Every structure is written in structure tokens, then in C-alpha cells.
Amino acid sequence: MAFVVNSSMKRNVLDFKVVDDRIRILRIKTKFHNLQFINVHALTEDKDEIDMEAFHHKMEKSYDICPSNDIKVLLGT
């Protein structure tokens, strides 16, 4: 899982965080607001309830740590 950033946009990248092997966050500066792209690779349905709940908790925590005035875009599979 990765982000591809055009070389002309590279200077606008404010931050990149690897939360774990399934969640990545890319923060981009724009003219009016900052954008947070949260890329998530979800667990398959055959995982047990405990793993699913832990994953969803980590995903919510990742969303919540993003500044509230940023525009958040959740991407995933």
C-alpha cells in the first residue's frame, strides 16, 4: 500500500504517517485547507470479531488524530 505523489506536488506534502501495515496517512497542503488522505486496507470477513474490532478502533483513532479543520478523505479496499 502506498501513495504516489507527482513531483510538482512533492513540496506540498506536510506529513506521512505509517500507523501500521494496513493504515497510512498522507497530509497535503492546499490553498484553503489541508487534506488528509487515510489509506486503509481492511481485514477480510473471515477474521474473528476481536481482530475486526481492534482494526476498526485503530482506524477510528487514526481518523480522530487528524486536525479537525483538515479535509479528510478515507481511501481503501
C-alpha atoms as a PDB file:
ATOM      1  CA  MET A   1       0.000   0.000   0.000  1.00  0.00           C
ATOM      2  CA  ALA A   2       1.415   3.379  -0.984  1.00  0.00           C
ATOM      3  CA  PHE A   3       0.707   6.891  -2.190  1.00  0.00           C
ATOM      4  CA  VAL A   4       2.043   8.212  -5.474  1.00  0.00           C
ATOM      5  CA  VAL A   5       2.739  11.956  -5.393  1.00  0.00           C
ATOM      6  CA  ASN A   6       3.517  13.927  -8.523  1.00  0.00           C
ATOM      7  CA  SER A   7       6.891  15.674  -8.310  1.00  0.00           C
ATOM      8  CA  SER A   8       5.211  19.087  -8.645  1.00  0.00           C
ATOM      9  CA  MET A   9       3.093  18.318  -5.551  1.00  0.00           C
ATOM     10  CA  LYS A  10       6.005  16.979  -3.511  1.00  0.00           C
ATOM     11  CA  ARG A  11       6.649  20.356  -1.872  1.00  0.00           C
ATOM     12  CA  ASN A  12       3.044  20.402  -0.583  1.00  0.00           C
ATOM     13  CA  VAL A  13       3.401  17.194   1.414  1.00  0.00           C
ATOM     14  CA  LEU A  14       3.236  18.153   5.092  1.00  0.00           C
ATOM     15  CA  ASP A  15       3.383  14.705   6.657  1.00  0.00           C
ATOM     16  CA  PHE A  16       3.263  10.980   6.001  1.00  0.00           C
ATOM     17  CA  LYS A  17       2.464   8.524   8.786  1.00  0.00           C
ATOM     18  CA  VAL A  18       2.562   4.752   8.814  1.00  0.00           C
ATOM     19  CA  VAL A  19       0.080   3.722  11.504  1.00  0.00           C
ATOM     20  CA  ASP A  20       0.575   0.005  10.839  1.00  0.00           C
ATOM     21  CA  ASP A  21       0.798  -2.392   7.896  1.00  0.00           C
ATOM     22  CA  ARG A  22      -2.832  -1.601   6.944  1.00  0.00           C
ATOM     23  CA  ILE A  23      -3.191   2.154   7.576  1.00  0.00           C
ATOM     24  CA  ARG A  24      -1.231   5.078   6.079  1.00  0.00           C
ATOM     25  CA  ILE A  25      -1.928   8.817   6.324  1.00  0.00           C
ATOM     26  CA  LEU A  26      -0.741  11.478   3.867  1.00  0.00           C
ATOM     27  CA  ARG A  27      -1.234  15.173   4.692  1.00  0.00           C
ATOM     28  CA  ILE A  28      -1.135  17.685   1.826  1.00  0.00           C
ATOM     29  CA  LYS A  29      -1.159  21.492   1.985  1.00  0.00           C
ATOM     30  CA  THR A  30      -3.615  23.183  -0.387  1.00  0.00           C
ATOM     31  CA  LYS A  31      -4.582  26.804  -0.925  1.00  0.00           C
ATOM     32  CA  PHE A  32      -7.512  26.902   1.518  1.00  0.00           C
ATOM     33  CA  HIS A  33      -7.378  23.733   3.624  1.00  0.00           C
ATOM     34  CA  ASN A  34      -5.039  20.865   4.327  1.00  0.00           C
ATOM     35  CA  LEU A  35      -6.080  17.442   3.057  1.00  0.00           C
ATOM     36  CA  GLN A  36      -5.638  14.196   4.960  1.00  0.00           C
ATOM     37  CA  PHE A  37      -5.734  11.044   2.837  1.00  0.00           C
ATOM     38  CA  ILE A  38      -6.213   7.991   5.038  1.00  0.00           C
ATOM     39  CA  ASN A  39      -5.444   4.845   3.067  1.00  0.00           C
ATOM     40  CA  VAL A  40      -6.855   1.693   4.668  1.00  0.00           C
ATOM     41  CA  HIS A  41      -6.500  -1.938   3.638  1.00  0.00           C
ATOM     42  CA  ALA A  42      -9.375  -3.589   5.510  1.00  0.00           C
ATOM     43  CA  LEU A  43      -9.379  -7.041   7.036  1.00  0.00           C
ATOM     44  CA  THR A  44     -11.236  -9.818   5.261  1.00  0.00           C
ATOM     45  CA  GLU A  45     -14.570 -11.013   6.611  1.00  0.00           C
ATOM     46  CA  ASP A  46     -13.115 -14.331   7.793  1.00  0.00           C
ATOM     47  CA  LYS A  47     -11.199 -12.623  10.634  1.00  0.00           C
ATOM     48  CA  ASP A  48     -12.553 -13.059  14.137  1.00  0.00           C
ATOM     49  CA  GLU A  49     -14.574 -10.398  15.942  1.00  0.00           C
ATOM     50  CA  ILE A  50     -11.703  -9.332  18.229  1.00  0.00           C
ATOM     51  CA  ASP A  51      -9.357  -8.626  15.301  1.00  0.00           C
ATOM     52  CA  MET A  52     -12.088  -6.730  13.434  1.00  0.00           C
ATOM     53  CA  GLU A  53     -12.915  -4.620  16.470  1.00  0.00           C
ATOM     54  CA  ALA A  54      -9.238  -3.815  17.098  1.00  0.00           C
ATOM     55  CA  PHE A  55      -8.791  -2.825  13.444  1.00  0.00           C
ATOM     56  CA  HIS A  56     -11.852  -0.554  13.484  1.00  0.00           C
ATOM     57  CA  HIS A  57     -10.676   1.042  16.728  1.00  0.00           C
ATOM     58  CA  LYS A  58      -7.253   1.758  15.191  1.00  0.00           C
ATOM     59  CA  MET A  59      -8.907   3.192  12.066  1.00  0.00           C
ATOM     60  CA  GLU A  60     -11.141   5.490  14.166  1.00  0.00           C
ATOM     61  CA  LYS A  61      -8.159   6.599  16.251  1.00  0.00           C
ATOM     62  CA  SER A  62      -6.220   7.390  13.056  1.00  0.00           C
ATOM     63  CA  TYR A  63      -9.144   9.477  11.812  1.00  0.00           C
ATOM     64  CA  ASP A  64      -9.516  11.281  15.142  1.00  0.00           C
ATOM     65  CA  ILE A  65      -5.842  12.313  15.399  1.00  0.00           C
ATOM     66  CA  CYS A  66      -6.176  14.300  12.179  1.00  0.00           C
ATOM     67  CA  PRO A  67      -6.743  18.019  12.839  1.00  0.00           C
ATOM     68  CA  SER A  68     -10.461  18.821  12.798  1.00  0.00           C
ATOM     69  CA  ASN A  69     -10.070  21.691  10.308  1.00  0.00           C
ATOM     70  CA  ASP A  70      -8.422  19.420   7.696  1.00  0.00           C
ATOM     71  CA  ILE A  71     -10.489  17.800   4.979  1.00  0.00           C
ATOM     72  CA  LYS A  72     -10.310  14.036   5.499  1.00  0.00           C
ATOM     73  CA  VAL A  73     -10.570  11.536   2.648  1.00  0.00           C
ATOM     74  CA  LEU A  74     -10.835   7.869   3.549  1.00  0.00           C
ATOM     75  CA  LEU A  75      -9.487   5.564   0.848  1.00  0.00           C
ATOM     76  CA  GLY A  76      -9.432   1.818   0.971  1.00  0.00           C
ATOM     77  CA  THR A  77     -10.136  -1.648  -0.157  1.00  0.00           C
END
